[in-house]
Structure formats: structure tokens, C-alpha cells
PDB file of N, CA and C in Angstrom:
ATOM      1  N   MET A   1      -0.231  22.422 -22.638  1.00  0.00           N
ATOM      2  CA  MET A   1      -0.654  21.594 -21.430  1.00  0.00           C
ATOM      3  C   MET A   1      -2.236  21.565 -21.706  1.00  0.00           C
ATOM      4  N   THR A   2      -2.919  20.536 -21.531  1.00  0.00           N
ATOM      5  CA  THR A   2      -4.688  20.294 -21.263  1.00  0.00           C
ATOM      6  C   THR A   2      -4.969  20.688 -20.007  1.00  0.00           C
ATOM      7  N   VAL A   3      -5.932  21.729 -19.996  1.00  0.00           N
ATOM      8  CA  VAL A   3      -6.868  21.790 -18.991  1.00  0.00           C
ATOM      9  C   VAL A   3      -7.953  20.949 -18.919  1.00  0.00           C
ATOM     10  N   VAL A   4      -7.894  20.199 -17.568  1.00  0.00           N
ATOM     11  CA  VAL A   4      -8.904  19.218 -17.130  1.00  0.00           C
ATOM     12  C   VAL A   4     -10.010  19.965 -16.316  1.00  0.00           C
ATOM     13  N   THR A   5     -11.449  19.921 -16.969  1.00  0.00           N
ATOM     14  CA  THR A   5     -12.206  20.327 -16.350  1.00  0.00           C
ATOM     15  C   THR A   5     -13.512  19.370 -15.535  1.00  0.00           C
ATOM     16  N   ASP A   6     -13.723  18.355 -16.347  1.00  0.00           N
ATOM     17  CA  ASP A   6     -14.917  17.614 -15.792  1.00  0.00           C
ATOM     18  C   ASP A   6     -14.386  16.717 -14.547  1.00  0.00           C
ATOM     19  N   GLU A   7     -15.221  16.377 -13.832  1.00  0.00           N
ATOM     20  CA  GLU A   7     -15.019  15.768 -12.395  1.00  0.00           C
ATOM     21  C   GLU A   7     -14.233  14.619 -12.373  1.00  0.00           C
ATOM     22  N   LEU A   8     -14.638  13.527 -13.029  1.00  0.00           N
ATOM     23  CA  LEU A   8     -13.829  12.443 -13.288  1.00  0.00           C
ATOM     24  C   LEU A   8     -12.425  12.324 -13.659  1.00  0.00           C
ATOM     25  N   SER A   9     -12.335  13.177 -14.622  1.00  0.00           N
ATOM     26  CA  SER A   9     -10.965  13.530 -15.277  1.00  0.00           C
ATOM     27  C   SER A   9     -10.066  14.135 -14.034  1.00  0.00           C
ATOM     28  N   LEU A  10     -10.436  15.087 -13.521  1.00  0.00           N
ATOM     29  CA  LEU A  10      -9.801  15.537 -12.352  1.00  0.00           C
ATOM     30  C   LEU A  10      -9.339  14.545 -11.428  1.00  0.00           C
ATOM     31  N   VAL A  11     -10.590  13.699 -11.127  1.00  0.00           N
ATOM     32  CA  VAL A  11     -10.231  12.393 -10.049  1.00  0.00           C
ATOM     33  C   VAL A  11      -8.795  11.513 -10.478  1.00  0.00           C
ATOM     34  N   PHE A  12      -9.128  11.206 -11.656  1.00  0.00           N
ATOM     35  CA  PHE A  12      -8.133  10.348 -12.517  1.00  0.00           C
ATOM     36  C   PHE A  12      -6.578  10.994 -12.649  1.00  0.00           C
ATOM     37  N   ALA A  13      -6.519  12.474 -12.945  1.00  0.00           N
ATOM     38  CA  ALA A  13      -5.595  12.958 -13.292  1.00  0.00           C
ATOM     39  C   ALA A  13      -4.761  13.071 -11.625  1.00  0.00           C
ATOM     40  N   ALA A  14      -5.491  13.407 -10.707  1.00  0.00           N
ATOM     41  CA  ALA A  14      -5.135  13.604  -9.305  1.00  0.00           C
ATOM     42  C   ALA A  14      -4.384  12.243  -8.904  1.00  0.00           C
ATOM     43  N   LEU A  15      -5.092  11.195  -9.519  1.00  0.00           N
ATOM     44  CA  LEU A  15      -4.666   9.670  -8.860  1.00  0.00           C
ATOM     45  C   LEU A  15      -3.464   9.248  -9.803  1.00  0.00           C
ATOM     46  N   ALA A  16      -3.131   9.846 -10.737  1.00  0.00           N
ATOM     47  CA  ALA A  16      -2.155   9.372 -11.737  1.00  0.00           C
ATOM     48  C   ALA A  16      -0.665   9.556 -11.076  1.00  0.00           C
ATOM     49  N   ASP A  17      -0.484  10.451 -10.011  1.00  0.00           N
ATOM     50  CA  ASP A  17       0.590  10.678  -9.363  1.00  0.00           C
ATOM     51  C   ASP A  17       1.139   9.639  -8.222  1.00  0.00           C
ATOM     52  N   PRO A  18       1.941   9.059  -8.158  1.00  0.00           N
ATOM     53  CA  PRO A  18       2.188   8.338  -6.910  1.00  0.00           C
ATOM     54  C   PRO A  18       2.414   8.946  -5.649  1.00  0.00           C
ATOM     55  N   THR A  19       2.785  10.167  -5.447  1.00  0.00           N
ATOM     56  CA  THR A  19       2.883  11.004  -4.218  1.00  0.00           C
ATOM     57  C   THR A  19       1.316  11.279  -3.764  1.00  0.00           C
ATOM     58  N   ARG A  20       0.581  11.421  -4.834  1.00  0.00           N
ATOM     59  CA  ARG A  20      -0.660  11.880  -4.522  1.00  0.00           C
ATOM     60  C   ARG A  20      -1.430  10.656  -3.802  1.00  0.00           C
ATOM     61  N   ARG A  21      -1.341   9.377  -4.369  1.00  0.00           N
ATOM     62  CA  ARG A  21      -1.731   8.310  -3.888  1.00  0.00           C
ATOM     63  C   ARG A  21      -1.304   7.990  -2.500  1.00  0.00           C
ATOM     64  N   ALA A  22       0.251   8.355  -2.353  1.00  0.00           N
ATOM     65  CA  ALA A  22       0.478   8.051  -1.224  1.00  0.00           C
ATOM     66  C   ALA A  22      -0.135   9.046   0.038  1.00  0.00           C
ATOM     67  N   ILE A  23      -0.306  10.123  -0.467  1.00  0.00           N
ATOM     68  CA  ILE A  23      -1.006  11.075   0.356  1.00  0.00           C
ATOM     69  C   ILE A  23      -2.572  10.774   0.986  1.00  0.00           C
ATOM     70  N   LEU A  24      -2.974  10.148  -0.242  1.00  0.00           N
ATOM     71  CA  LEU A  24      -4.380   9.533   0.096  1.00  0.00           C
ATOM     72  C   LEU A  24      -4.558   8.277   0.959  1.00  0.00           C
ATOM     73  N   GLU A  25      -3.238   7.616   0.991  1.00  0.00           N
ATOM     74  CA  GLU A  25      -3.251   6.358   1.882  1.00  0.00           C
ATOM     75  C   GLU A  25      -2.960   6.898   3.258  1.00  0.00           C
ATOM     76  N   ARG A  26      -2.163   7.857   3.440  1.00  0.00           N
ATOM     77  CA  ARG A  26      -1.931   8.404   4.730  1.00  0.00           C
ATOM     78  C   ARG A  26      -3.450   9.042   5.148  1.00  0.00           C
ATOM     79  N   LEU A  27      -3.939   9.713   4.544  1.00  0.00           N
ATOM     80  CA  LEU A  27      -5.416  10.404   4.875  1.00  0.00           C
ATOM     81  C   LEU A  27      -6.418   9.361   5.143  1.00  0.00           C
ATOM     82  N   ALA A  28      -6.259   8.140   4.689  1.00  0.00           N
ATOM     83  CA  ALA A  28      -7.054   7.083   5.180  1.00  0.00           C
ATOM     84  C   ALA A  28      -7.196   6.876   6.400  1.00  0.00           C
ATOM     85  N   GLU A  29      -5.980   7.106   6.969  1.00  0.00           N
ATOM     86  CA  GLU A  29      -5.743   6.820   8.522  1.00  0.00           C
ATOM     87  C   GLU A  29      -6.227   7.819   9.361  1.00  0.00           C
ATOM     88  N   GLY A  30      -6.555   9.105   8.989  1.00  0.00           N
ATOM     89  CA  GLY A  30      -6.862   9.886   9.636  1.00  0.00           C
ATOM     90  C   GLY A  30      -6.415  11.455   9.062  1.00  0.00           C
ATOM     91  N   GLN A  31      -7.094  12.590   9.613  1.00  0.00           N
ATOM     92  CA  GLN A  31      -6.628  13.811   9.206  1.00  0.00           C
ATOM     93  C   GLN A  31      -5.306  13.995   9.420  1.00  0.00           C
ATOM     94  N   ALA A  32      -4.572  14.789   8.770  1.00  0.00           N
ATOM     95  CA  ALA A  32      -3.219  15.326   8.730  1.00  0.00           C
ATOM     96  C   ALA A  32      -3.005  16.523   8.395  1.00  0.00           C
ATOM     97  N   THR A  33      -1.738  17.194   9.075  1.00  0.00           N
ATOM     98  CA  THR A  33      -1.468  18.505   8.397  1.00  0.00           C
ATOM     99  C   THR A  33      -0.271  18.379   7.440  1.00  0.00           C
ATOM    100  N   VAL A  34      -0.198  19.430   6.777  1.00  0.00           N
ATOM    101  CA  VAL A  34       0.830  19.402   5.523  1.00  0.00           C
ATOM    102  C   VAL A  34       2.165  19.192   6.227  1.00  0.00           C
ATOM    103  N   HIS A  35       2.695  19.488   7.271  1.00  0.00           N
ATOM    104  CA  HIS A  35       3.861  19.033   7.807  1.00  0.00           C
ATOM    105  C   HIS A  35       3.796  17.589   8.057  1.00  0.00           C
ATOM    106  N   GLN A  36       2.799  17.178   8.756  1.00  0.00           N
ATOM    107  CA  GLN A  36       2.957  15.727   8.850  1.00  0.00           C
ATOM    108  C   GLN A  36       2.810  14.920   7.659  1.00  0.00           C
ATOM    109  N   LEU A  37       2.056  15.413   6.454  1.00  0.00           N
ATOM    110  CA  LEU A  37       2.007  14.644   5.253  1.00  0.00           C
ATOM    111  C   LEU A  37       3.403  14.804   4.453  1.00  0.00           C
ATOM    112  N   ALA A  38       4.144  15.936   4.672  1.00  0.00           N
ATOM    113  CA  ALA A  38       5.473  16.163   4.059  1.00  0.00           C
ATOM    114  C   ALA A  38       6.602  15.237   4.716  1.00  0.00           C
ATOM    115  N   GLU A  39       6.587  14.802   5.997  1.00  0.00           N
ATOM    116  CA  GLU A  39       7.222  13.918   6.614  1.00  0.00           C
ATOM    117  C   GLU A  39       8.118  12.778   5.801  1.00  0.00           C
ATOM    118  N   PRO A  40       7.313  11.764   5.354  1.00  0.00           N
ATOM    119  CA  PRO A  40       7.674  10.734   4.625  1.00  0.00           C
ATOM    120  C   PRO A  40       8.372  11.064   3.127  1.00  0.00           C
ATOM    121  N   PHE A  41       8.260  12.318   2.725  1.00  0.00           N
ATOM    122  CA  PHE A  41       8.766  12.396   1.501  1.00  0.00           C
ATOM    123  C   PHE A  41       9.886  13.473   1.515  1.00  0.00           C
ATOM    124  N   ALA A  42      10.673  13.203   0.457  1.00  0.00           N
ATOM    125  CA  ALA A  42      11.917  13.929   0.287  1.00  0.00           C
ATOM    126  C   ALA A  42      11.786  15.100  -0.644  1.00  0.00           C
ATOM    127  N   MET A  43      10.406  16.187  -0.123  1.00  0.00           N
ATOM    128  CA  MET A  43      10.181  17.059  -0.691  1.00  0.00           C
ATOM    129  C   MET A  43       9.863  18.379   0.057  1.00  0.00           C
ATOM    130  N   THR A  44       9.799  19.453  -0.127  1.00  0.00           N
ATOM    131  CA  THR A  44       9.676  20.501   0.747  1.00  0.00           C
ATOM    132  C   THR A  44       8.065  20.154   1.043  1.00  0.00           C
ATOM    133  N   GLN A  45       7.347  21.362   2.014  1.00  0.00           N
ATOM    134  CA  GLN A  45       6.155  21.400   2.289  1.00  0.00           C
ATOM    135  C   GLN A  45       5.493  22.101   1.288  1.00  0.00           C
ATOM    136  N   GLN A  46       6.133  23.275   0.774  1.00  0.00           N
ATOM    137  CA  GLN A  46       5.675  23.671  -0.558  1.00  0.00           C
ATOM    138  C   GLN A  46       5.267  23.030  -1.658  1.00  0.00           C
ATOM    139  N   ALA A  47       5.997  21.773  -1.935  1.00  0.00           N
ATOM    140  CA  ALA A  47       5.929  20.817  -2.981  1.00  0.00           C
ATOM    141  C   ALA A  47       4.610  19.989  -2.523  1.00  0.00           C
ATOM    142  N   VAL A  48       4.689  19.538  -1.201  1.00  0.00           N
ATOM    143  CA  VAL A  48       3.419  18.776  -0.780  1.00  0.00           C
ATOM    144  C   VAL A  48       2.045  19.658  -0.854  1.00  0.00           C
ATOM    145  N   SER A  49       2.422  21.074  -0.698  1.00  0.00           N
ATOM    146  CA  SER A  49       1.015  21.780  -1.072  1.00  0.00           C
ATOM    147  C   SER A  49       0.559  21.655  -2.202  1.00  0.00           C
ATOM    148  N   LYS A  50       1.371  21.639  -3.153  1.00  0.00           N
ATOM    149  CA  LYS A  50       0.983  21.722  -4.458  1.00  0.00           C
ATOM    150  C   LYS A  50       0.195  20.469  -4.764  1.00  0.00           C
ATOM    151  N   HIS A  51       0.756  19.225  -4.512  1.00  0.00           N
ATOM    152  CA  HIS A  51      -0.074  17.924  -4.395  1.00  0.00           C
ATOM    153  C   HIS A  51      -1.394  18.393  -3.823  1.00  0.00           C
ATOM    154  N   LEU A  52      -1.313  18.774  -2.528  1.00  0.00           N
ATOM    155  CA  LEU A  52      -2.587  18.979  -2.051  1.00  0.00           C
ATOM    156  C   LEU A  52      -3.581  19.572  -2.572  1.00  0.00           C
ATOM    157  N   LYS A  53      -3.304  21.065  -3.382  1.00  0.00           N
ATOM    158  CA  LYS A  53      -4.117  21.626  -4.044  1.00  0.00           C
ATOM    159  C   LYS A  53      -4.818  20.620  -5.360  1.00  0.00           C
ATOM    160  N   VAL A  54      -3.857  19.934  -5.885  1.00  0.00           N
ATOM    161  CA  VAL A  54      -4.396  19.131  -7.144  1.00  0.00           C
ATOM    162  C   VAL A  54      -5.651  18.217  -6.585  1.00  0.00           C
ATOM    163  N   LEU A  55      -5.277  17.661  -5.134  1.00  0.00           N
ATOM    164  CA  LEU A  55      -6.199  16.720  -4.354  1.00  0.00           C
ATOM    165  C   LEU A  55      -7.368  17.473  -4.275  1.00  0.00           C
ATOM    166  N   GLU A  56      -7.195  18.703  -3.685  1.00  0.00           N
ATOM    167  CA  GLU A  56      -8.508  19.295  -3.070  1.00  0.00           C
ATOM    168  C   GLU A  56      -9.214  20.068  -4.361  1.00  0.00           C
ATOM    169  N   GLN A  57      -8.786  20.119  -5.443  1.00  0.00           N
ATOM    170  CA  GLN A  57      -9.431  20.406  -6.726  1.00  0.00           C
ATOM    171  C   GLN A  57     -10.478  19.580  -7.090  1.00  0.00           C
ATOM    172  N   ALA A  58      -9.736  18.199  -7.200  1.00  0.00           N
ATOM    173  CA  ALA A  58     -10.387  17.154  -7.761  1.00  0.00           C
ATOM    174  C   ALA A  58     -11.477  16.694  -6.583  1.00  0.00           C
ATOM    175  N   ARG A  59     -11.740  17.205  -5.394  1.00  0.00           N
ATOM    176  CA  ARG A  59     -12.274  17.158  -4.049  1.00  0.00           C
ATOM    177  C   ARG A  59     -12.160  15.818  -3.800  1.00  0.00           C
ATOM    178  N   LEU A  60     -10.924  15.290  -3.839  1.00  0.00           N
ATOM    179  CA  LEU A  60     -10.554  13.991  -3.150  1.00  0.00           C
ATOM    180  C   LEU A  60     -10.130  14.179  -1.520  1.00  0.00           C
ATOM    181  N   ILE A  61      -9.730  15.418  -1.165  1.00  0.00           N
ATOM    182  CA  ILE A  61      -9.453  16.007   0.300  1.00  0.00           C
ATOM    183  C   ILE A  61     -10.134  17.136   0.420  1.00  0.00           C
ATOM    184  N   SER A  62     -10.467  17.461   1.630  1.00  0.00           N
ATOM    185  CA  SER A  62     -11.045  18.654   2.081  1.00  0.00           C
ATOM    186  C   SER A  62     -10.190  19.187   3.364  1.00  0.00           C
ATOM    187  N   ARG A  63      -9.790  20.623   3.288  1.00  0.00           N
ATOM    188  CA  ARG A  63      -9.169  21.115   4.327  1.00  0.00           C
ATOM    189  C   ARG A  63     -10.149  22.196   5.145  1.00  0.00           C
ATOM    190  N   THR A  64      -9.706  22.115   6.583  1.00  0.00           N
ATOM    191  CA  THR A  64     -10.536  22.790   7.754  1.00  0.00           C
ATOM    192  C   THR A  64      -9.358  23.606   8.327  1.00  0.00           C
ATOM    193  N   ARG A  65      -9.934  24.723   9.057  1.00  0.00           N
ATOM    194  CA  ARG A  65      -9.131  25.496   9.640  1.00  0.00           C
ATOM    195  C   ARG A  65      -9.266  24.958  11.081  1.00  0.00           C
ATOM    196  N   SER A  66      -7.988  24.953  11.937  1.00  0.00           N
ATOM    197  CA  SER A  66      -8.111  24.400  13.366  1.00  0.00           C
ATOM    198  C   SER A  66      -6.954  25.481  13.884  1.00  0.00           C
ATOM    199  N   ALA A  67      -7.377  26.758  14.541  1.00  0.00           N
ATOM    200  CA  ALA A  67      -6.183  27.414  14.976  1.00  0.00           C
ATOM    201  C   ALA A  67      -5.424  27.811  13.816  1.00  0.00           C
ATOM    202  N   GLN A  68      -3.931  27.677  13.875  1.00  0.00           N
ATOM    203  CA  GLN A  68      -3.404  28.091  12.732  1.00  0.00           C
ATOM    204  C   GLN A  68      -2.920  27.080  11.678  1.00  0.00           C
ATOM    205  N   SER A  69      -3.570  25.922  12.151  1.00  0.00           N
ATOM    206  CA  SER A  69      -3.178  24.728  11.055  1.00  0.00           C
ATOM    207  C   SER A  69      -4.399  24.310  10.182  1.00  0.00           C
ATOM    208  N   ARG A  70      -4.120  23.984   9.099  1.00  0.00           N
ATOM    209  CA  ARG A  70      -5.071  23.493   8.277  1.00  0.00           C
ATOM    210  C   ARG A  70      -5.093  21.924   7.997  1.00  0.00           C
ATOM    211  N   PRO A  71      -5.767  21.207   8.790  1.00  0.00           N
ATOM    212  CA  PRO A  71      -5.653  19.911   8.496  1.00  0.00           C
ATOM    213  C   PRO A  71      -6.270  19.288   7.326  1.00  0.00           C
ATOM    214  N   CYS A  72      -5.996  18.265   6.862  1.00  0.00           N
ATOM    215  CA  CYS A  72      -6.638  17.623   5.612  1.00  0.00           C
ATOM    216  C   CYS A  72      -7.331  16.408   5.924  1.00  0.00           C
ATOM    217  N   ALA A  73      -8.475  16.305   5.197  1.00  0.00           N
ATOM    218  CA  ALA A  73      -9.029  14.837   5.499  1.00  0.00           C
ATOM    219  C   ALA A  73      -9.457  14.282   4.090  1.00  0.00           C
ATOM    220  N   LEU A  74      -9.673  12.936   4.100  1.00  0.00           N
ATOM    221  CA  LEU A  74      -9.965  12.342   2.871  1.00  0.00           C
ATOM    222  C   LEU A  74     -11.266  12.568   2.602  1.00  0.00           C
ATOM    223  N   GLU A  75     -11.777  12.469   1.423  1.00  0.00           N
ATOM    224  CA  GLU A  75     -13.128  12.427   0.938  1.00  0.00           C
ATOM    225  C   GLU A  75     -13.446  11.275   0.218  1.00  0.00           C
ATOM    226  N   ALA A  76     -13.696  10.190   0.815  1.00  0.00           N
ATOM    227  CA  ALA A  76     -13.926   8.766   0.022  1.00  0.00           C
ATOM    228  C   ALA A  76     -14.796   8.665  -0.671  1.00  0.00           C
ATOM    229  N   GLY A  77     -15.862   9.461  -0.719  1.00  0.00           N
ATOM    230  CA  GLY A  77     -17.106   9.302  -1.675  1.00  0.00           C
ATOM    231  C   GLY A  77     -16.647   9.636  -3.077  1.00  0.00           C
ATOM    232  N   ARG A  78     -15.738  10.499  -3.242  1.00  0.00           N
ATOM    233  CA  ARG A  78     -15.065  10.770  -4.400  1.00  0.00           C
ATOM    234  C   ARG A  78     -14.261   9.774  -5.102  1.00  0.00           C
ATOM    235  N   LEU A  79     -13.497   8.972  -4.138  1.00  0.00           N
ATOM    236  CA  LEU A  79     -13.091   7.644  -4.712  1.00  0.00           C
ATOM    237  C   LEU A  79     -14.318   6.479  -4.789  1.00  0.00           C
ATOM    238  N   ALA A  80     -15.148   6.418  -4.199  1.00  0.00           N
ATOM    239  CA  ALA A  80     -16.179   5.601  -4.634  1.00  0.00           C
ATOM    240  C   ALA A  80     -16.815   5.837  -5.863  1.00  0.00           C
ATOM    241  N   GLU A  81     -17.083   7.097  -6.383  1.00  0.00           N
ATOM    242  CA  GLU A  81     -17.481   7.748  -7.740  1.00  0.00           C
ATOM    243  C   GLU A  81     -16.561   6.988  -8.600  1.00  0.00           C
ATOM    244  N   ALA A  82     -15.286   7.103  -8.816  1.00  0.00           N
ATOM    245  CA  ALA A  82     -14.367   6.541  -9.500  1.00  0.00           C
ATOM    246  C   ALA A  82     -14.254   5.326  -9.717  1.00  0.00           C
ATOM    247  N   ALA A  83     -14.325   4.560  -8.622  1.00  0.00           N
ATOM    248  CA  ALA A  83     -14.480   3.084  -8.602  1.00  0.00           C
ATOM    249  C   ALA A  83     -15.550   2.631  -9.385  1.00  0.00           C
ATOM    250  N   GLY A  84     -16.819   3.329  -9.109  1.00  0.00           N
ATOM    251  CA  GLY A  84     -17.940   2.949  -9.713  1.00  0.00           C
ATOM    252  C   GLY A  84     -17.962   2.828 -11.160  1.00  0.00           C
ATOM    253  N   TRP A  85     -17.321   3.961 -11.701  1.00  0.00           N
ATOM    254  CA  TRP A  85     -17.233   4.189 -13.277  1.00  0.00           C
ATOM    255  C   TRP A  85     -16.260   3.151 -13.657  1.00  0.00           C
ATOM    256  N   ILE A  86     -15.133   2.637 -13.181  1.00  0.00           N
ATOM    257  CA  ILE A  86     -14.353   1.665 -13.349  1.00  0.00           C
ATOM    258  C   ILE A  86     -15.191   0.481 -13.561  1.00  0.00           C
ATOM    259  N   GLU A  87     -15.923   0.157 -12.322  1.00  0.00           N
ATOM    260  CA  GLU A  87     -16.632  -1.300 -12.484  1.00  0.00           C
ATOM    261  C   GLU A  87     -17.725  -1.242 -13.505  1.00  0.00           C
ATOM    262  N   ARG A  88     -18.288  -0.349 -13.560  1.00  0.00           N
ATOM    263  CA  ARG A  88     -19.341  -0.263 -14.701  1.00  0.00           C
ATOM    264  C   ARG A  88     -18.653  -0.525 -16.237  1.00  0.00           C
ATOM    265  N   HIS A  89     -17.540  -0.038 -16.451  1.00  0.00           N
ATOM    266  CA  HIS A  89     -16.767  -0.029 -17.841  1.00  0.00           C
ATOM    267  C   HIS A  89     -16.193  -1.517 -17.801  1.00  0.00           C
ATOM    268  N   ARG A  90     -15.683  -2.054 -16.582  1.00  0.00           N
ATOM    269  CA  ARG A  90     -15.052  -3.269 -16.306  1.00  0.00           C
ATOM    270  C   ARG A  90     -16.066  -4.512 -17.054  1.00  0.00           C
ATOM    271  N   ARG A  91     -17.257  -4.396 -16.450  1.00  0.00           N
ATOM    272  CA  ARG A  91     -18.317  -5.238 -16.793  1.00  0.00           C
ATOM    273  C   ARG A  91     -18.451  -5.035 -18.261  1.00  0.00           C
ATOM    274  N   VAL A  92     -18.512  -4.071 -19.011  1.00  0.00           N
ATOM    275  CA  VAL A  92     -18.755  -4.191 -20.361  1.00  0.00           C
ATOM    276  C   VAL A  92     -17.627  -4.603 -20.987  1.00  0.00           C
ATOM    277  N   TRP A  93     -16.317  -4.212 -20.707  1.00  0.00           N
ATOM    278  CA  TRP A  93     -15.246  -4.770 -21.363  1.00  0.00           C
ATOM    279  C   TRP A  93     -15.124  -6.266 -20.958  1.00  0.00           C
ATOM    280  N   ALA A  94     -15.480  -6.714 -20.082  1.00  0.00           N
ATOM    281  CA  ALA A  94     -15.439  -8.202 -19.637  1.00  0.00           C
ATOM    282  C   ALA A  94     -16.438  -9.012 -20.538  1.00  0.00           C
ATOM    283  N   ASP A  95     -17.435  -8.186 -20.836  1.00  0.00           N
ATOM    284  CA  ASP A  95     -18.425  -8.942 -21.709  1.00  0.00           C
ATOM    285  C   ASP A  95     -18.152  -9.069 -22.963  1.00  0.00           C
ATOM    286  N   ARG A  96     -17.495  -7.829 -23.668  1.00  0.00           N
ATOM    287  CA  ARG A  96     -17.004  -7.868 -24.924  1.00  0.00           C
ATOM    288  C   ARG A  96     -15.735  -9.156 -24.988  1.00  0.00           C
ATOM    289  N   HIS A  97     -15.061  -9.118 -24.144  1.00  0.00           N
ATOM    290  CA  HIS A  97     -13.759 -10.183 -24.305  1.00  0.00           C
ATOM    291  C   HIS A  97     -14.501 -11.467 -24.258  1.00  0.00           C
ATOM    292  N   ASP A  98     -15.509 -11.591 -23.634  1.00  0.00           N
ATOM    293  CA  ASP A  98     -16.090 -12.981 -23.567  1.00  0.00           C
ATOM    294  C   ASP A  98     -16.639 -13.446 -24.818  1.00  0.00           C
ATOM    295  N   ARG A  99     -17.445 -12.282 -25.291  1.00  0.00           N
ATOM    296  CA  ARG A  99     -18.152 -12.512 -26.870  1.00  0.00           C
ATOM    297  C   ARG A  99     -16.994 -12.654 -28.101  1.00  0.00           C
ATOM    298  N   LEU A 100     -15.936 -11.884 -27.636  1.00  0.00           N
ATOM    299  CA  LEU A 100     -14.566 -12.276 -28.698  1.00  0.00           C
ATOM    300  C   LEU A 100     -14.227 -13.414 -28.531  1.00  0.00           C
ATOM    301  N   ALA A 101     -14.011 -13.961 -27.348  1.00  0.00           N
ATOM    302  CA  ALA A 101     -13.469 -15.339 -27.102  1.00  0.00           C
ATOM    303  C   ALA A 101     -14.369 -16.419 -27.900  1.00  0.00           C
ATOM    304  N   ALA A 102     -15.741 -16.326 -27.582  1.00  0.00           N
ATOM    305  CA  ALA A 102     -16.445 -17.383 -27.962  1.00  0.00           C
ATOM    306  C   ALA A 102     -16.546 -17.324 -29.620  1.00  0.00           C
ATOM    307  N   HIS A 103     -16.522 -15.978 -30.092  1.00  0.00           N
ATOM    308  CA  HIS A 103     -16.311 -15.984 -31.547  1.00  0.00           C
ATOM    309  C   HIS A 103     -15.249 -16.396 -32.091  1.00  0.00           C
ATOM    310  N   LEU A 104     -14.103 -16.436 -31.642  1.00  0.00           N
ATOM    311  CA  LEU A 104     -12.834 -16.842 -32.008  1.00  0.00           C
ATOM    312  C   LEU A 104     -12.943 -18.273 -31.866  1.00  0.00           C
ATOM    313  N   GLU A 105     -13.543 -18.729 -30.673  1.00  0.00           N
ATOM    314  CA  GLU A 105     -13.594 -20.476 -30.398  1.00  0.00           C
ATOM    315  C   GLU A 105     -14.586 -20.934 -31.567  1.00  0.00           C
ATOM    316  N   ARG A 106     -15.371 -20.417 -32.129  1.00  0.00           N
ATOM    317  CA  ARG A 106     -16.359 -20.763 -33.280  1.00  0.00           C
ATOM    318  C   ARG A 106     -15.828 -20.879 -34.398  1.00  0.00           C
ATOM    319  N   LEU A 107     -14.924 -19.775 -34.646  1.00  0.00           N
ATOM    320  CA  LEU A 107     -14.110 -19.743 -36.052  1.00  0.00           C
ATOM    321  C   LEU A 107     -13.175 -20.782 -35.971  1.00  0.00           C
ATOM    322  N   GLN A 108     -12.687 -21.282 -35.040  1.00  0.00           N
ATOM    323  CA  GLN A 108     -11.366 -22.364 -35.049  1.00  0.00           C
ATOM    324  C   GLN A 108     -12.045 -23.860 -34.797  1.00  0.00           C
ATOM    325  N   GLY A 109     -13.322 -23.782 -34.273  1.00  0.00           N
ATOM    326  CA  GLY A 109     -14.054 -25.089 -34.177  1.00  0.00           C
ATOM    327  C   GLY A 109     -14.748 -25.281 -35.652  1.00  0.00           C
TER     328      GLY A 109
END
């Protein structure tokens, strides 16, 4: 198993799982407890807690203490950083694709 340490890799590794993406979608609506987050899934609260730990390590969510509960909240800034990386690279890839298409057109013409 590879240990991921850089920030962006942690974010993408966390986003790779559909359950974690669903949790983030739920948290986009507002804070929620582990119990509330576990409700739509056919898994234990302990399993959901493991997903939350991955999201927390990637700093995609934060947890606070409120009496006995620990509500989770989305940290949208981390998603914006990942989206920014994707957009920067999308532009590079699109430019390369355009140049390749132009080159192939010249070869055919």
C-alpha cells in the first residue's frame, strides 16, 4: 500500500471513493453528525467514521465539538484548490490537443 503525503494527492485519493463524494455532497447542504451522515448508507457508523477520517486528513472536512456530538462541515476551499489544479492542466492538455489536431491536418493536406 502506498502512503500518500502530498496535499493534492490526499484530496484526489479522498475524492476517488463514491461514498466519500456522497458525504461531501451532503455536507454541502450544511453541517451533519456521523449519525446523520450514516443514515443513507448501508454501513455502520464506524465505517462512515473511517471515511470521515480520510476526508479530515485531506482537510476536505472539519469537525468541531458541540456537547456530546462532533458535527462535520465541508471545507470548500480544498475543493477549489483541486479544481484549480484540474483547470490549469486542462488548459495545457487542450492546447496540446489543438496543436496535434492542426499538425495532423497539415499532414493530411
